[in-house]
Amino acid sequence: MKLKGKTALITGAASGMGKSTALLFAAEGARVAAADINLDAVEKVAHEIKAAGGEAIAISADVSQSEDVQRMVSQTIERLGVPNVVYNNAGIEGETNFLAEMGEAAFDKVIAINLRGVFLGTKYTLPHMVKLGAGSVINQASIAGMVAVRGSAAYCAAKAGVIALTRVAALEYGRYNIRVNCICPGAIETPMAERIRHGEAPRPSAVKRISVFNRMGLPEEIAKMALFLASDDSSFATGAPFVVDAGWTVS
């Protein structure tokens, strides 16, 4: 077990990549604090972990709110111990519109959850990791932080910000044996992807343009990258965006 004896805090854990990662981390021996704004859904994830013999708690939290994030970290420490791993995964797709037509409130909401949420999750976990003398912070970025996507100015800006924030945190906290990396997924089949498509199936022509494998990725494939970054297997990796995109950014 690669995470035996460790505590992992995962945001956005009620569905998609967060849920898959929570289940995988628990299977690898971690005590999992599963956090999400949807408490009912994340409680089901925690129940699934416990039913399989793992240890987990569910926490309700809006990652854009400082008070919620501080409470989330405190509850994790009180019930499971100081997080050895934090996966700042929570995010939303936001409004799809060309920049001049995008609402200011819609832009602010995406930045608040997708970028500020990562900042807060990192900010309030790092002091405890410093005291431990080790830790792994994993931030959810996207290939949208590396390439332009029409209609997604806020999302692209937030994810580019996550990549930059990750690099700065890695530079600042490496002296404490804390690694900070981010994952840049491509097209992954999640509830978010389904919402963007308005419930329709992926169009083969669109998938072919963004995946050399001609298929969507699976949440479990991102979870396995998160496991690599959470475990000692990635002991010499920090400050890096790990691209998992089936060739989107090279095609």
Protein backbone atom coordinates (compact mmCIF):
# COMPACT_ATOMS: atom_id res chain seq x y z
CA MET A 1 0.00 0.00 0.00
CA LYS A 2 1.54 3.25 -1.15
CA LEU A 3 -0.27 5.54 1.31
CA LYS A 4 -0.50 3.35 4.39
CA GLY A 5 -0.63 5.42 7.56
CA LYS A 6 -1.09 8.72 5.72
CA THR A 7 -3.92 11.23 5.85
CA ALA A 8 -5.20 12.70 2.60
CA LEU A 9 -7.53 15.69 2.24
CA ILE A 10 -9.35 15.79 -1.10
CA THR A 11 -11.67 18.58 -2.23
CA GLY A 12 -14.35 18.12 -4.86
CA ALA A 13 -14.49 14.51 -3.70
CA ALA A 14 -18.19 13.88 -4.37
CA SER A 15 -17.82 13.02 -8.05
CA GLY A 16 -15.53 12.68 -11.04
CA MET A 17 -11.78 12.77 -10.52
CA GLY A 18 -12.08 13.68 -6.84
CA LYS A 19 -14.27 10.69 -6.07
CA SER A 20 -12.06 8.30 -8.02
CA THR A 21 -9.01 9.63 -6.20
CA ALA A 22 -10.66 9.32 -2.79
CA LEU A 23 -11.51 5.68 -3.47
CA LEU A 24 -8.03 4.89 -4.79
CA PHE A 25 -6.21 6.64 -1.95
CA ALA A 26 -8.33 4.74 0.59
CA ALA A 27 -7.59 1.45 -1.18
CA GLU A 28 -3.90 2.33 -0.90
CA GLY A 29 -4.18 2.73 2.88
CA ALA A 30 -4.84 6.44 3.36
CA ARG A 31 -7.22 7.94 5.87
CA VAL A 32 -9.35 10.13 3.60
CA ALA A 33 -11.03 13.43 4.39
CA ALA A 34 -13.48 13.81 1.51
CA ALA A 35 -14.66 17.40 1.16
CA ASP A 36 -17.26 18.84 -1.16
CA ILE A 37 -19.92 21.55 -1.26
CA ASN A 38 -22.48 18.73 -1.77
CA LEU A 39 -22.52 17.06 1.63
CA ASP A 40 -25.05 14.36 0.77
CA ALA A 41 -23.00 13.20 -2.22
CA VAL A 42 -19.67 13.25 -0.42
CA GLU A 43 -21.13 11.36 2.54
CA LYS A 44 -21.94 8.56 0.10
CA VAL A 45 -18.30 8.49 -0.99
CA ALA A 46 -17.12 8.28 2.61
CA HIS A 47 -19.65 5.50 3.26
CA GLU A 48 -18.37 3.60 0.23
CA ILE A 49 -14.82 3.83 1.53
CA LYS A 50 -15.80 2.64 5.00
CA ALA A 51 -17.90 -0.20 3.57
CA ALA A 52 -14.76 -1.41 1.80
CA GLY A 53 -12.82 -1.40 5.07
CA GLY A 54 -11.20 2.02 4.75
CA GLU A 55 -11.25 5.08 6.99
CA ALA A 56 -12.92 8.27 5.80
CA ILE A 57 -14.86 11.31 6.87
CA ALA A 58 -17.10 13.62 4.85
CA ILE A 59 -16.80 17.39 5.18
CA SER A 60 -19.03 20.08 3.70
CA ALA A 61 -16.98 22.99 2.40
CA ASP A 62 -17.11 25.80 -0.14
CA VAL A 63 -13.45 26.09 -1.12
CA SER A 64 -13.85 29.72 -2.16
CA GLN A 65 -14.66 30.70 1.45
CA SER A 66 -11.76 31.11 3.86
CA GLU A 67 -13.81 30.14 6.91
CA ASP A 68 -14.95 26.91 5.25
CA VAL A 69 -11.43 25.95 4.24
CA GLN A 70 -10.02 26.62 7.70
CA ARG A 71 -12.79 24.52 9.23
CA MET A 72 -12.17 21.77 6.66
CA VAL A 73 -8.49 21.59 7.58
CA SER A 74 -9.22 21.73 11.32
CA GLN A 75 -11.78 18.92 11.12
CA THR A 76 -9.35 16.79 9.15
CA ILE A 77 -6.64 17.26 11.77
CA GLU A 78 -9.00 16.65 14.68
CA ARG A 79 -10.47 13.44 13.26
CA LEU A 80 -7.75 11.94 11.08
CA GLY A 81 -4.51 13.76 11.80
CA VAL A 82 -2.45 16.33 9.91
CA PRO A 83 -2.79 15.81 6.16
CA ASN A 84 0.31 14.32 4.56
CA VAL A 85 -1.41 14.92 1.23
CA VAL A 86 -3.82 17.59 0.06
CA TYR A 87 -5.45 17.37 -3.36
CA ASN A 88 -7.01 20.71 -4.28
CA ASN A 89 -9.33 19.27 -6.89
CA ALA A 90 -12.62 21.17 -6.53
CA GLY A 91 -13.60 23.18 -9.58
CA ILE A 92 -16.41 24.27 -11.88
CA GLU A 93 -16.66 24.83 -15.61
CA GLY A 94 -18.42 28.18 -15.36
CA GLU A 95 -20.06 30.19 -18.11
CA THR A 96 -19.18 29.42 -21.72
CA ASN A 97 -19.08 32.65 -23.67
CA PHE A 98 -16.73 34.83 -25.66
CA LEU A 99 -14.83 37.20 -23.42
CA ALA A 100 -16.73 40.42 -24.18
CA GLU A 101 -20.05 38.67 -23.55
CA MET A 102 -18.96 36.93 -20.34
CA GLY A 103 -20.61 38.21 -17.18
CA GLU A 104 -18.35 39.71 -14.54
CA ALA A 105 -20.01 37.70 -11.77
CA ALA A 106 -19.57 34.51 -13.79
CA PHE A 107 -15.86 35.29 -14.30
CA ASP A 108 -15.38 36.03 -10.59
CA LYS A 109 -17.08 32.79 -9.55
CA VAL A 110 -14.77 30.63 -11.65
CA ILE A 111 -11.70 32.42 -10.33
CA ALA A 112 -12.99 32.15 -6.76
CA ILE A 113 -13.49 28.38 -6.87
CA ASN A 114 -10.86 27.21 -9.35
CA LEU A 115 -7.98 29.48 -8.32
CA ARG A 116 -8.76 31.06 -4.94
CA GLY A 117 -9.92 27.64 -3.73
CA VAL A 118 -6.54 26.14 -4.57
CA PHE A 119 -4.79 29.07 -2.89
CA LEU A 120 -6.83 28.68 0.30
CA GLY A 121 -6.49 24.91 0.44
CA THR A 122 -2.74 25.25 0.09
CA LYS A 123 -2.41 28.24 2.42
CA TYR A 124 -4.16 26.61 5.36
CA THR A 125 -2.57 23.19 4.97
CA LEU A 126 1.05 24.23 4.49
CA PRO A 127 1.77 25.42 8.07
CA HIS A 128 0.81 21.99 9.40
CA MET A 129 2.93 20.22 6.79
CA VAL A 130 5.85 22.45 7.75
CA LYS A 131 5.56 21.21 11.32
CA LEU A 132 5.51 17.63 10.05
CA GLY A 133 8.58 18.30 7.95
CA ALA A 134 7.06 16.75 4.83
CA GLY A 135 4.01 16.72 2.60
CA SER A 136 2.61 16.56 -0.89
CA VAL A 137 0.30 19.21 -2.30
CA ILE A 138 -1.47 18.30 -5.53
CA ASN A 139 -3.36 21.01 -7.37
CA GLN A 140 -5.90 20.42 -10.11
CA ALA A 141 -4.93 22.50 -13.12
CA SER A 142 -5.85 21.65 -16.73
CA ILE A 143 -4.45 21.72 -20.21
CA ALA A 144 -6.78 24.74 -20.47
CA GLY A 145 -4.11 26.53 -18.46
CA MET A 146 -1.65 25.81 -21.27
CA VAL A 147 -3.72 26.19 -24.44
CA ALA A 148 -6.57 28.53 -25.39
CA VAL A 149 -10.14 27.23 -25.39
CA ARG A 150 -12.77 29.42 -27.04
CA GLY A 151 -15.49 30.57 -24.67
CA SER A 152 -13.46 29.68 -21.57
CA ALA A 153 -11.53 32.82 -20.65
CA ALA A 154 -12.24 32.50 -16.93
CA TYR A 155 -11.53 28.78 -16.80
CA CYS A 156 -8.29 29.11 -18.77
CA ALA A 157 -7.15 32.06 -16.66
CA ALA A 158 -7.86 30.20 -13.43
CA LYS A 159 -6.04 27.05 -14.51
CA ALA A 160 -3.03 29.00 -15.77
CA GLY A 161 -3.01 30.67 -12.36
CA VAL A 162 -3.01 27.27 -10.65
CA ILE A 163 0.10 26.27 -12.61
CA ALA A 164 1.86 29.49 -11.60
CA LEU A 165 0.77 29.19 -7.96
CA THR A 166 2.04 25.61 -7.89
CA ARG A 167 5.48 26.64 -9.09
CA VAL A 168 5.78 29.43 -6.52
CA ALA A 169 4.67 27.20 -3.64
CA ALA A 170 7.14 24.50 -4.69
CA LEU A 171 9.95 27.04 -4.74
CA GLU A 172 9.04 28.46 -1.35
CA TYR A 173 8.37 25.23 0.57
CA GLY A 174 10.86 22.73 -0.85
CA ARG A 175 13.15 23.57 2.07
CA TYR A 176 10.57 21.87 4.34
CA ASN A 177 10.52 18.70 2.24
CA ILE A 178 7.11 19.64 0.87
CA ARG A 179 6.42 18.84 -2.77
CA VAL A 180 3.88 20.87 -4.74
CA ASN A 181 2.76 19.69 -8.17
CA CYS A 182 -0.29 20.03 -10.38
CA ILE A 183 -2.16 17.77 -12.75
CA CYS A 184 -3.25 19.03 -16.17
CA PRO A 185 -5.95 16.67 -17.44
CA GLY A 186 -7.23 16.73 -20.98
CA ALA A 187 -10.71 15.53 -21.94
CA ILE A 188 -11.92 13.37 -19.06
CA GLU A 189 -15.39 11.81 -18.92
CA THR A 190 -16.83 13.34 -15.76
CA PRO A 191 -20.15 14.91 -14.71
CA MET A 192 -18.59 18.28 -15.60
CA ALA A 193 -17.87 17.11 -19.14
CA GLU A 194 -21.44 15.85 -19.42
CA ARG A 195 -22.78 19.24 -18.30
CA ILE A 196 -20.65 21.02 -20.88
CA ARG A 197 -22.12 18.75 -23.57
CA HIS A 198 -25.63 19.28 -22.15
CA GLY A 199 -25.96 15.55 -21.57
CA GLU A 200 -25.10 14.56 -25.13
CA ALA A 201 -22.60 11.83 -25.95
CA PRO A 202 -19.10 12.92 -27.03
CA ARG A 203 -18.92 13.68 -30.75
CA PRO A 204 -16.36 11.32 -32.38
CA SER A 205 -15.01 14.13 -34.57
CA ALA A 206 -14.41 16.36 -31.55
CA VAL A 207 -12.76 13.60 -29.54
CA LYS A 208 -10.47 12.76 -32.44
CA ARG A 209 -9.15 16.34 -32.45
CA ILE A 210 -8.17 16.28 -28.78
CA SER A 211 -7.09 12.68 -28.19
CA VAL A 212 -4.64 10.60 -30.19
CA PHE A 213 -6.31 7.56 -28.64
CA ASN A 214 -9.68 8.66 -30.03
CA ARG A 215 -11.38 8.36 -26.67
CA MET A 216 -12.15 10.37 -23.55
CA GLY A 217 -10.04 9.79 -20.49
CA LEU A 218 -11.37 8.12 -17.37
CA PRO A 219 -11.38 9.72 -13.90
CA GLU A 220 -9.46 6.70 -12.66
CA GLU A 221 -6.60 7.58 -15.00
CA ILE A 222 -6.22 10.95 -13.30
CA ALA A 223 -6.54 9.33 -9.88
CA LYS A 224 -3.53 7.14 -10.70
CA MET A 225 -1.47 10.23 -11.48
CA ALA A 226 -2.61 11.77 -8.20
CA LEU A 227 -1.50 8.59 -6.41
CA PHE A 228 1.94 8.86 -8.01
CA LEU A 229 2.25 12.45 -6.80
CA ALA A 230 0.92 11.63 -3.33
CA SER A 231 3.27 8.71 -2.80
CA ASP A 232 7.02 8.44 -2.36
CA ASP A 233 7.24 7.31 -5.99
CA SER A 234 7.42 11.02 -6.92
CA SER A 235 9.95 11.95 -4.24
CA PHE A 236 12.09 14.05 -6.62
CA ALA A 237 9.22 15.80 -8.41
CA THR A 238 8.08 19.29 -7.47
CA GLY A 239 6.88 22.46 -9.15
CA ALA A 240 5.73 20.60 -12.24
CA PRO A 241 2.55 20.43 -14.30
CA PHE A 242 1.91 16.76 -15.04
CA VAL A 243 0.04 16.60 -18.33
CA VAL A 244 -2.39 13.70 -18.80
CA ASP A 245 -4.17 14.63 -22.01
CA ALA A 246 -3.85 11.86 -24.63
CA GLY A 247 -1.75 14.17 -26.78
CA TRP A 248 -4.09 17.19 -26.88
CA THR A 249 -1.23 19.65 -26.31
CA VAL A 250 1.09 18.07 -28.89
CA SER A 251 -1.33 17.54 -31.73
